[in-house]
């Protein structure tokens, strides 16, 4: 299993501006949807791998624990998630098994 910070959907409009500010510009290009990751790996593996891509069910718990940690980055992240990023971010889980 591979866990990756990702997107439920690509941000648009004002939310894209907020996302790029939060992710500090070019780093925003590193966040992709579960389907994007599955397609990338499928291209590389062809028919030799079974790939399952899904959103992690621990999304809420992980963020809440991060916010409660008191870390300055956690406080900053909460401000941005409250501006709407909460609705587009996720954690992508990839399960890859050789056939």
PDB file of N, CA and C in Angstrom:
ATOM      1  N   UNK A   1       0.851  -1.180   0.000  1.00  0.00           N
ATOM      2  CA  UNK A   1       0.000   0.000   0.000  1.00  0.00           C
ATOM      3  C   UNK A   1       0.894   1.239   0.000  1.00  0.00           C
ATOM      4  N   UNK A   2       0.479   2.200  -0.767  1.00  0.00           N
ATOM      5  CA  UNK A   2       1.150   3.497  -0.817  1.00  0.00           C
ATOM      6  C   UNK A   2       0.104   4.552  -0.469  1.00  0.00           C
ATOM      7  N   UNK A   3       0.432   5.444   0.444  1.00  0.00           N
ATOM      8  CA  UNK A   3      -0.470   6.542   0.813  1.00  0.00           C
ATOM      9  C   UNK A   3       0.131   7.851   0.313  1.00  0.00           C
ATOM     10  N   UNK A   4      -0.698   8.651  -0.340  1.00  0.00           N
ATOM     11  CA  UNK A   4      -0.239   9.893  -0.964  1.00  0.00           C
ATOM     12  C   UNK A   4      -1.246  11.004  -0.672  1.00  0.00           C
ATOM     13  N   UNK A   5      -0.779  12.180  -0.241  1.00  0.00           N
ATOM     14  CA  UNK A   5      -1.715  13.318  -0.158  1.00  0.00           C
ATOM     15  C   UNK A   5      -2.237  13.612  -1.558  1.00  0.00           C
ATOM     16  N   UNK A   6      -3.542  13.789  -1.680  1.00  0.00           N
ATOM     17  CA  UNK A   6      -4.105  13.969  -3.008  1.00  0.00           C
ATOM     18  C   UNK A   6      -5.326  14.864  -3.044  1.00  0.00           C
ATOM     19  N   UNK A   7      -6.039  14.757  -4.151  1.00  0.00           N
ATOM     20  CA  UNK A   7      -7.215  15.581  -4.413  1.00  0.00           C
ATOM     21  C   UNK A   7      -8.433  14.719  -4.689  1.00  0.00           C
ATOM     22  N   UNK A   8      -9.583  15.164  -4.202  1.00  0.00           N
ATOM     23  CA  UNK A   8     -10.851  14.555  -4.587  1.00  0.00           C
ATOM     24  C   UNK A   8     -11.197  15.000  -6.002  1.00  0.00           C
ATOM     25  N   UNK A   9     -10.874  16.259  -6.291  1.00  0.00           N
ATOM     26  CA  UNK A   9     -11.112  16.846  -7.616  1.00  0.00           C
ATOM     27  C   UNK A   9     -10.140  18.000  -7.792  1.00  0.00           C
ATOM     28  N   UNK A  10      -9.891  18.369  -9.026  1.00  0.00           N
ATOM     29  CA  UNK A  10      -9.002  19.493  -9.296  1.00  0.00           C
ATOM     30  C   UNK A  10      -9.686  20.791  -8.873  1.00  0.00           C
ATOM     31  N   UNK A  11      -8.965  21.642  -8.150  1.00  0.00           N
ATOM     32  CA  UNK A  11      -9.567  22.913  -7.729  1.00  0.00           C
ATOM     33  C   UNK A  11      -9.758  23.862  -8.904  1.00  0.00           C
ATOM     34  N   UNK A  12     -10.803  24.673  -8.806  1.00  0.00           N
ATOM     35  CA  UNK A  12     -11.107  25.644  -9.858  1.00  0.00           C
ATOM     36  C   UNK A  12     -11.392  27.005  -9.243  1.00  0.00           C
ATOM     37  N   UNK A  13     -11.227  28.047 -10.037  1.00  0.00           N
ATOM     38  CA  UNK A  13     -11.574  29.402  -9.614  1.00  0.00           C
ATOM     39  C   UNK A  13     -10.802  29.856  -8.390  1.00  0.00           C
ATOM     40  N   UNK A  14     -11.525  30.491  -7.468  1.00  0.00           N
ATOM     41  CA  UNK A  14     -10.900  31.032  -6.261  1.00  0.00           C
ATOM     42  C   UNK A  14     -10.273  29.919  -5.418  1.00  0.00           C
ATOM     43  N   UNK A  15     -10.890  28.753  -5.430  1.00  0.00           N
ATOM     44  CA  UNK A  15     -10.352  27.631  -4.660  1.00  0.00           C
ATOM     45  C   UNK A  15      -8.984  27.205  -5.199  1.00  0.00           C
ATOM     46  N   UNK A  16      -8.780  27.324  -6.500  1.00  0.00           N
ATOM     47  CA  UNK A  16      -7.468  27.004  -7.081  1.00  0.00           C
ATOM     48  C   UNK A  16      -6.416  27.994  -6.575  1.00  0.00           C
ATOM     49  N   UNK A  17      -6.785  29.270  -6.471  1.00  0.00           N
ATOM     50  CA  UNK A  17      -5.856  30.276  -5.947  1.00  0.00           C
ATOM     51  C   UNK A  17      -5.496  29.973  -4.490  1.00  0.00           C
ATOM     52  N   UNK A  18      -6.500  29.627  -3.691  1.00  0.00           N
ATOM     53  CA  UNK A  18      -6.262  29.286  -2.285  1.00  0.00           C
ATOM     54  C   UNK A  18      -5.378  28.050  -2.185  1.00  0.00           C
ATOM     55  N   UNK A  19      -5.665  27.060  -3.025  1.00  0.00           N
ATOM     56  CA  UNK A  19      -4.887  25.824  -3.029  1.00  0.00           C
ATOM     57  C   UNK A  19      -3.425  26.089  -3.386  1.00  0.00           C
ATOM     58  N   UNK A  20      -3.185  26.870  -4.434  1.00  0.00           N
ATOM     59  CA  UNK A  20      -1.812  27.172  -4.854  1.00  0.00           C
ATOM     60  C   UNK A  20      -1.061  27.972  -3.788  1.00  0.00           C
ATOM     61  N   UNK A  21      -1.754  28.868  -3.117  1.00  0.00           N
ATOM     62  CA  UNK A  21      -1.134  29.632  -2.029  1.00  0.00           C
ATOM     63  C   UNK A  21      -0.757  28.689  -0.884  1.00  0.00           C
ATOM     64  N   UNK A  22      -1.679  27.797  -0.516  1.00  0.00           N
ATOM     65  CA  UNK A  22      -1.430  26.848   0.574  1.00  0.00           C
ATOM     66  C   UNK A  22      -0.286  25.903   0.228  1.00  0.00           C
ATOM     67  N   UNK A  23      -0.305  25.376  -1.009  1.00  0.00           N
ATOM     68  CA  UNK A  23       0.696  24.403  -1.432  1.00  0.00           C
ATOM     69  C   UNK A  23       1.984  25.077  -1.899  1.00  0.00           C
ATOM     70  N   UNK A  24       2.027  26.379  -1.805  1.00  0.00           N
ATOM     71  CA  UNK A  24       3.213  27.167  -2.141  1.00  0.00           C
ATOM     72  C   UNK A  24       3.629  27.009  -3.598  1.00  0.00           C
ATOM     73  N   UNK A  25       2.694  27.322  -4.481  1.00  0.00           N
ATOM     74  CA  UNK A  25       2.999  27.411  -5.913  1.00  0.00           C
ATOM     75  C   UNK A  25       3.139  26.081  -6.606  1.00  0.00           C
ATOM     76  N   UNK A  26       4.327  25.777  -7.102  1.00  0.00           N
ATOM     77  CA  UNK A  26       4.554  24.588  -7.918  1.00  0.00           C
ATOM     78  C   UNK A  26       4.280  23.286  -7.176  1.00  0.00           C
ATOM     79  N   UNK A  27       4.377  23.295  -5.854  1.00  0.00           N
ATOM     80  CA  UNK A  27       4.076  22.075  -5.103  1.00  0.00           C
ATOM     81  C   UNK A  27       2.629  21.631  -5.325  1.00  0.00           C
ATOM     82  N   UNK A  28       1.779  22.549  -5.727  1.00  0.00           N
ATOM     83  CA  UNK A  28       0.385  22.189  -5.992  1.00  0.00           C
ATOM     84  C   UNK A  28       0.276  21.179  -7.136  1.00  0.00           C
ATOM     85  N   UNK A  29       1.273  21.139  -8.013  1.00  0.00           N
ATOM     86  CA  UNK A  29       1.261  20.207  -9.137  1.00  0.00           C
ATOM     87  C   UNK A  29       1.493  18.764  -8.691  1.00  0.00           C
ATOM     88  N   UNK A  30       1.924  18.568  -7.457  1.00  0.00           N
ATOM     89  CA  UNK A  30       2.191  17.232  -6.944  1.00  0.00           C
ATOM     90  C   UNK A  30       0.931  16.526  -6.461  1.00  0.00           C
ATOM     91  N   UNK A  31      -0.139  17.257  -6.238  1.00  0.00           N
ATOM     92  CA  UNK A  31      -1.396  16.698  -5.747  1.00  0.00           C
ATOM     93  C   UNK A  31      -2.252  16.253  -6.930  1.00  0.00           C
ATOM     94  N   UNK A  32      -2.608  14.971  -6.936  1.00  0.00           N
ATOM     95  CA  UNK A  32      -3.384  14.396  -8.040  1.00  0.00           C
ATOM     96  C   UNK A  32      -4.541  13.577  -7.469  1.00  0.00           C
ATOM     97  N   UNK A  33      -5.516  13.267  -8.324  1.00  0.00           N
ATOM     98  CA  UNK A  33      -6.662  12.459  -7.915  1.00  0.00           C
ATOM     99  C   UNK A  33      -6.286  10.972  -7.904  1.00  0.00           C
ATOM    100  N   UNK A  34      -7.130  10.176  -7.257  1.00  0.00           N
ATOM    101  CA  UNK A  34      -6.877   8.731  -7.210  1.00  0.00           C
ATOM    102  C   UNK A  34      -6.899   8.135  -8.613  1.00  0.00           C
ATOM    103  N   UNK A  35      -7.778   8.637  -9.473  1.00  0.00           N
ATOM    104  CA  UNK A  35      -7.837   8.126 -10.845  1.00  0.00           C
ATOM    105  C   UNK A  35      -6.570   8.470 -11.619  1.00  0.00           C
ATOM    106  N   UNK A  36      -6.021   9.650 -11.386  1.00  0.00           N
ATOM    107  CA  UNK A  36      -4.779  10.048 -12.053  1.00  0.00           C
ATOM    108  C   UNK A  36      -3.664   9.077 -11.676  1.00  0.00           C
ATOM    109  N   UNK A  37      -3.544   8.780 -10.374  1.00  0.00           N
ATOM    110  CA  UNK A  37      -2.499   7.862  -9.912  1.00  0.00           C
ATOM    111  C   UNK A  37      -2.714   6.456 -10.469  1.00  0.00           C
ATOM    112  N   UNK A  38      -3.952   5.992 -10.456  1.00  0.00           N
ATOM    113  CA  UNK A  38      -4.233   4.650 -10.962  1.00  0.00           C
ATOM    114  C   UNK A  38      -3.864   4.555 -12.442  1.00  0.00           C
ATOM    115  N   UNK A  39      -4.234   5.561 -13.220  1.00  0.00           N
ATOM    116  CA  UNK A  39      -3.910   5.558 -14.652  1.00  0.00           C
ATOM    117  C   UNK A  39      -2.409   5.583 -14.893  1.00  0.00           C
ATOM    118  N   UNK A  40      -1.670   6.356 -14.115  1.00  0.00           N
ATOM    119  CA  UNK A  40      -0.215   6.427 -14.263  1.00  0.00           C
ATOM    120  C   UNK A  40       0.418   5.066 -14.021  1.00  0.00           C
ATOM    121  N   UNK A  41       0.015   4.422 -12.940  1.00  0.00           N
ATOM    122  CA  UNK A  41       0.602   3.124 -12.616  1.00  0.00           C
ATOM    123  C   UNK A  41       0.162   2.070 -13.620  1.00  0.00           C
ATOM    124  N   UNK A  42      -1.083   2.150 -14.059  1.00  0.00           N
ATOM    125  CA  UNK A  42      -1.585   1.197 -15.051  1.00  0.00           C
ATOM    126  C   UNK A  42      -0.799   1.295 -16.350  1.00  0.00           C
ATOM    127  N   UNK A  43      -0.441   2.500 -16.745  1.00  0.00           N
ATOM    128  CA  UNK A  43       0.373   2.693 -17.952  1.00  0.00           C
ATOM    129  C   UNK A  43       1.715   1.988 -17.815  1.00  0.00           C
ATOM    130  N   UNK A  44       2.310   2.067 -16.646  1.00  0.00           N
ATOM    131  CA  UNK A  44       3.625   1.459 -16.416  1.00  0.00           C
ATOM    132  C   UNK A  44       3.536  -0.061 -16.279  1.00  0.00           C
ATOM    133  N   UNK A  45       2.512  -0.539 -15.596  1.00  0.00           N
ATOM    134  CA  UNK A  45       2.386  -1.975 -15.320  1.00  0.00           C
ATOM    135  C   UNK A  45       1.738  -2.760 -16.447  1.00  0.00           C
ATOM    136  N   UNK A  46       0.909  -2.100 -17.213  1.00  0.00           N
ATOM    137  CA  UNK A  46       0.155  -2.830 -18.232  1.00  0.00           C
ATOM    138  C   UNK A  46      -0.772  -3.832 -17.575  1.00  0.00           C
ATOM    139  N   UNK A  47      -0.779  -5.051 -18.096  1.00  0.00           N
ATOM    140  CA  UNK A  47      -1.643  -6.099 -17.561  1.00  0.00           C
ATOM    141  C   UNK A  47      -0.973  -6.917 -16.457  1.00  0.00           C
ATOM    142  N   UNK A  48       0.224  -6.535 -16.051  1.00  0.00           N
ATOM    143  CA  UNK A  48       0.954  -7.353 -15.074  1.00  0.00           C
ATOM    144  C   UNK A  48       0.614  -7.026 -13.621  1.00  0.00           C
ATOM    145  N   UNK A  49      -0.193  -5.981 -13.380  1.00  0.00           N
ATOM    146  CA  UNK A  49      -0.517  -5.586 -12.010  1.00  0.00           C
ATOM    147  C   UNK A  49      -2.018  -5.406 -11.822  1.00  0.00           C
ATOM    148  N   UNK A  50      -2.454  -5.720 -10.619  1.00  0.00           N
ATOM    149  CA  UNK A  50      -3.802  -5.364 -10.198  1.00  0.00           C
ATOM    150  C   UNK A  50      -3.657  -4.109  -9.349  1.00  0.00           C
ATOM    151  N   UNK A  51      -4.418  -3.068  -9.688  1.00  0.00           N
ATOM    152  CA  UNK A  51      -4.289  -1.776  -9.009  1.00  0.00           C
ATOM    153  C   UNK A  51      -5.636  -1.361  -8.450  1.00  0.00           C
ATOM    154  N   UNK A  52      -5.630  -1.044  -7.169  1.00  0.00           N
ATOM    155  CA  UNK A  52      -6.823  -0.504  -6.521  1.00  0.00           C
ATOM    156  C   UNK A  52      -6.435   0.869  -5.979  1.00  0.00           C
ATOM    157  N   UNK A  53      -7.199   1.879  -6.337  1.00  0.00           N
ATOM    158  CA  UNK A  53      -6.974   3.240  -5.839  1.00  0.00           C
ATOM    159  C   UNK A  53      -8.240   3.689  -5.127  1.00  0.00           C
ATOM    160  N   UNK A  54      -8.071   4.207  -3.910  1.00  0.00           N
ATOM    161  CA  UNK A  54      -9.235   4.676  -3.154  1.00  0.00           C
ATOM    162  C   UNK A  54      -8.836   5.811  -2.227  1.00  0.00           C
ATOM    163  N   UNK A  55      -9.845   6.503  -1.728  1.00  0.00           N
ATOM    164  CA  UNK A  55      -9.610   7.545  -0.741  1.00  0.00           C
ATOM    165  C   UNK A  55      -9.547   6.913   0.639  1.00  0.00           C
ATOM    166  N   UNK A  56      -8.617   7.364   1.456  1.00  0.00           N
ATOM    167  CA  UNK A  56      -8.469   6.841   2.814  1.00  0.00           C
ATOM    168  C   UNK A  56      -9.647   7.263   3.679  1.00  0.00           C
ATOM    169  N   UNK A  57     -10.122   6.352   4.486  1.00  0.00           N
ATOM    170  CA  UNK A  57     -11.245   6.658   5.373  1.00  0.00           C
ATOM    171  C   UNK A  57     -10.792   7.429   6.618  1.00  0.00           C
ATOM    172  N   UNK A  58      -9.486   7.543   6.827  1.00  0.00           N
ATOM    173  CA  UNK A  58      -8.960   8.224   8.021  1.00  0.00           C
ATOM    174  C   UNK A  58      -8.769   9.722   7.812  1.00  0.00           C
ATOM    175  N   UNK A  59      -9.275  10.259   6.716  1.00  0.00           N
ATOM    176  CA  UNK A  59      -9.065  11.667   6.357  1.00  0.00           C
ATOM    177  C   UNK A  59      -9.402  12.613   7.515  1.00  0.00           C
ATOM    178  N   UNK A  60     -10.595  12.496   8.058  1.00  0.00           N
ATOM    179  CA  UNK A  60     -11.029  13.394   9.136  1.00  0.00           C
ATOM    180  C   UNK A  60     -10.163  13.252  10.381  1.00  0.00           C
ATOM    181  N   UNK A  61      -9.884  12.035  10.762  1.00  0.00           N
ATOM    182  CA  UNK A  61      -9.099  11.786  11.972  1.00  0.00           C
ATOM    183  C   UNK A  61      -7.681  12.317  11.816  1.00  0.00           C
ATOM    184  N   UNK A  62      -7.086  12.058  10.669  1.00  0.00           N
ATOM    185  CA  UNK A  62      -5.699  12.504  10.443  1.00  0.00           C
ATOM    186  C   UNK A  62      -5.581  14.020  10.540  1.00  0.00           C
ATOM    187  N   UNK A  63      -6.499  14.734   9.891  1.00  0.00           N
ATOM    188  CA  UNK A  63      -6.445  16.198   9.953  1.00  0.00           C
ATOM    189  C   UNK A  63      -6.711  16.691  11.372  1.00  0.00           C
ATOM    190  N   UNK A  64      -7.689  16.110  12.042  1.00  0.00           N
ATOM    191  CA  UNK A  64      -8.019  16.560  13.393  1.00  0.00           C
ATOM    192  C   UNK A  64      -6.833  16.381  14.334  1.00  0.00           C
ATOM    193  N   UNK A  65      -6.162  15.250  14.246  1.00  0.00           N
ATOM    194  CA  UNK A  65      -4.982  15.015  15.092  1.00  0.00           C
ATOM    195  C   UNK A  65      -3.862  16.001  14.754  1.00  0.00           C
ATOM    196  N   UNK A  66      -3.709  16.310  13.492  1.00  0.00           N
ATOM    197  CA  UNK A  66      -2.696  17.276  13.057  1.00  0.00           C
ATOM    198  C   UNK A  66      -3.011  18.665  13.620  1.00  0.00           C
ATOM    199  N   UNK A  67      -4.275  19.068  13.516  1.00  0.00           N
ATOM    200  CA  UNK A  67      -4.680  20.377  14.040  1.00  0.00           C
ATOM    201  C   UNK A  67      -4.468  20.461  15.549  1.00  0.00           C
ATOM    202  N   UNK A  68      -4.781  19.414  16.250  1.00  0.00           N
ATOM    203  CA  UNK A  68      -4.675  19.402  17.710  1.00  0.00           C
ATOM    204  C   UNK A  68      -3.240  19.273  18.205  1.00  0.00           C
ATOM    205  N   UNK A  69      -2.310  18.972  17.312  1.00  0.00           N
ATOM    206  CA  UNK A  69      -0.910  18.794  17.712  1.00  0.00           C
ATOM    207  C   UNK A  69      -0.266  20.089  18.188  1.00  0.00           C
ATOM    208  N   UNK A  70      -0.841  21.223  17.785  1.00  0.00           N
ATOM    209  CA  UNK A  70      -0.274  22.508  18.173  1.00  0.00           C
ATOM    210  C   UNK A  70       0.889  22.953  17.295  1.00  0.00           C
ATOM    211  N   UNK A  71       1.254  22.161  16.321  1.00  0.00           N
ATOM    212  CA  UNK A  71       2.359  22.525  15.427  1.00  0.00           C
ATOM    213  C   UNK A  71       1.956  23.750  14.607  1.00  0.00           C
ATOM    214  N   UNK A  72       2.874  24.695  14.405  1.00  0.00           N
ATOM    215  CA  UNK A  72       2.546  25.901  13.620  1.00  0.00           C
ATOM    216  C   UNK A  72       2.034  25.587  12.210  1.00  0.00           C
ATOM    217  N   UNK A  73       2.569  24.554  11.569  1.00  0.00           N
ATOM    218  CA  UNK A  73       2.082  24.183  10.236  1.00  0.00           C
ATOM    219  C   UNK A  73       0.654  23.659  10.319  1.00  0.00           C
ATOM    220  N   UNK A  74       0.322  22.958  11.400  1.00  0.00           N
ATOM    221  CA  UNK A  74      -1.035  22.467  11.594  1.00  0.00           C
ATOM    222  C   UNK A  74      -2.030  23.604  11.724  1.00  0.00           C
ATOM    223  N   UNK A  75      -1.626  24.648  12.439  1.00  0.00           N
ATOM    224  CA  UNK A  75      -2.496  25.819  12.583  1.00  0.00           C
ATOM    225  C   UNK A  75      -2.709  26.487  11.232  1.00  0.00           C
ATOM    226  N   UNK A  76      -1.639  26.600  10.459  1.00  0.00           N
ATOM    227  CA  UNK A  76      -1.733  27.202   9.119  1.00  0.00           C
ATOM    228  C   UNK A  76      -2.626  26.353   8.210  1.00  0.00           C
ATOM    229  N   UNK A  77      -2.420  25.035   8.248  1.00  0.00           N
ATOM    230  CA  UNK A  77      -3.232  24.142   7.412  1.00  0.00           C
ATOM    231  C   UNK A  77      -4.714  24.277   7.745  1.00  0.00           C
ATOM    232  N   UNK A  78      -5.046  24.374   9.028  1.00  0.00           N
ATOM    233  CA  UNK A  78      -6.452  24.489   9.431  1.00  0.00           C
ATOM    234  C   UNK A  78      -7.087  25.743   8.833  1.00  0.00           C
ATOM    235  N   UNK A  79      -6.351  26.846   8.834  1.00  0.00           N
ATOM    236  CA  UNK A  79      -6.872  28.086   8.246  1.00  0.00           C
ATOM    237  C   UNK A  79      -7.245  27.872   6.771  1.00  0.00           C
ATOM    238  N   UNK A  80      -6.389  27.181   6.049  1.00  0.00           N
ATOM    239  CA  UNK A  80      -6.646  26.963   4.621  1.00  0.00           C
ATOM    240  C   UNK A  80      -7.731  25.921   4.382  1.00  0.00           C
ATOM    241  N   UNK A  81      -7.769  24.883   5.181  1.00  0.00           N
ATOM    242  CA  UNK A  81      -8.830  23.896   5.016  1.00  0.00           C
ATOM    243  C   UNK A  81     -10.179  24.513   5.326  1.00  0.00           C
ATOM    244  N   UNK A  82     -10.222  25.422   6.284  1.00  0.00           N
ATOM    245  CA  UNK A  82     -11.469  26.121   6.604  1.00  0.00           C
ATOM    246  C   UNK A  82     -11.921  27.053   5.479  1.00  0.00           C
ATOM    247  N   UNK A  83     -11.006  27.423   4.594  1.00  0.00           N
ATOM    248  CA  UNK A  83     -11.355  28.286   3.447  1.00  0.00           C
ATOM    249  C   UNK A  83     -11.908  27.478   2.272  1.00  0.00           C
ATOM    250  N   UNK A  84     -12.000  26.163   2.422  1.00  0.00           N
ATOM    251  CA  UNK A  84     -12.579  25.334   1.374  1.00  0.00           C
ATOM    252  C   UNK A  84     -11.729  24.164   0.918  1.00  0.00           C
ATOM    253  N   UNK A  85     -10.462  24.135   1.300  1.00  0.00           N
ATOM    254  CA  UNK A  85      -9.607  23.037   0.850  1.00  0.00           C
ATOM    255  C   UNK A  85     -10.046  21.691   1.422  1.00  0.00           C
ATOM    256  N   UNK A  86     -10.718  21.727   2.564  1.00  0.00           N
ATOM    257  CA  UNK A  86     -11.191  20.485   3.172  1.00  0.00           C
ATOM    258  C   UNK A  86     -12.029  19.667   2.186  1.00  0.00           C
ATOM    259  N   UNK A  87     -12.766  20.348   1.324  1.00  0.00           N
ATOM    260  CA  UNK A  87     -13.673  19.675   0.390  1.00  0.00           C
ATOM    261  C   UNK A  87     -12.986  19.089  -0.837  1.00  0.00           C
ATOM    262  N   UNK A  88     -11.729  19.445  -1.086  1.00  0.00           N
ATOM    263  CA  UNK A  88     -11.070  18.917  -2.282  1.00  0.00           C
ATOM    264  C   UNK A  88      -9.864  18.036  -1.980  1.00  0.00           C
ATOM    265  N   UNK A  89      -9.312  18.127  -0.770  1.00  0.00           N
ATOM    266  CA  UNK A  89      -8.143  17.316  -0.430  1.00  0.00           C
ATOM    267  C   UNK A  89      -8.563  15.938   0.051  1.00  0.00           C
ATOM    268  N   UNK A  90      -7.655  14.980  -0.070  1.00  0.00           N
ATOM    269  CA  UNK A  90      -7.858  13.648   0.476  1.00  0.00           C
ATOM    270  C   UNK A  90      -6.505  12.971   0.641  1.00  0.00           C
ATOM    271  N   UNK A  91      -6.546  11.747   1.064  1.00  0.00           N
ATOM    272  CA  UNK A  91      -5.362  10.896   1.075  1.00  0.00           C
ATOM    273  C   UNK A  91      -5.674   9.731   0.150  1.00  0.00           C
ATOM    274  N   UNK A  92      -4.850   9.550  -0.863  1.00  0.00           N
ATOM    275  CA  UNK A  92      -5.041   8.491  -1.846  1.00  0.00           C
ATOM    276  C   UNK A  92      -4.295   7.250  -1.362  1.00  0.00           C
ATOM    277  N   UNK A  93      -4.984   6.126  -1.376  1.00  0.00           N
ATOM    278  CA  UNK A  93      -4.365   4.846  -1.059  1.00  0.00           C
ATOM    279  C   UNK A  93      -4.268   4.027  -2.335  1.00  0.00           C
ATOM    280  N   UNK A  94      -3.080   3.536  -2.617  1.00  0.00           N
ATOM    281  CA  UNK A  94      -2.852   2.699  -3.797  1.00  0.00           C
ATOM    282  C   UNK A  94      -2.404   1.311  -3.348  1.00  0.00           C
ATOM    283  N   UNK A  95      -3.122   0.322  -3.795  1.00  0.00           N
ATOM    284  CA  UNK A  95      -2.761  -1.073  -3.557  1.00  0.00           C
ATOM    285  C   UNK A  95      -2.352  -1.664  -4.893  1.00  0.00           C
ATOM    286  N   UNK A  96      -1.125  -2.156  -4.965  1.00  0.00           N
ATOM    287  CA  UNK A  96      -0.596  -2.670  -6.231  1.00  0.00           C
ATOM    288  C   UNK A  96      -0.124  -4.090  -5.995  1.00  0.00           C
ATOM    289  N   UNK A  97      -0.653  -4.988  -6.793  1.00  0.00           N
ATOM    290  CA  UNK A  97      -0.302  -6.403  -6.636  1.00  0.00           C
ATOM    291  C   UNK A  97       0.061  -6.971  -8.001  1.00  0.00           C
ATOM    292  N   UNK A  98       1.197  -7.624  -8.048  1.00  0.00           N
ATOM    293  CA  UNK A  98       1.622  -8.259  -9.294  1.00  0.00           C
ATOM    294  C   UNK A  98       0.747  -9.483  -9.553  1.00  0.00           C
ATOM    295  N   UNK A  99       0.286  -9.602 -10.795  1.00  0.00           N
ATOM    296  CA  UNK A  99      -0.581 -10.739 -11.163  1.00  0.00           C
ATOM    297  C   UNK A  99       0.241 -11.991 -11.370  1.00  0.00           C
TER     298      UNK A  99
END
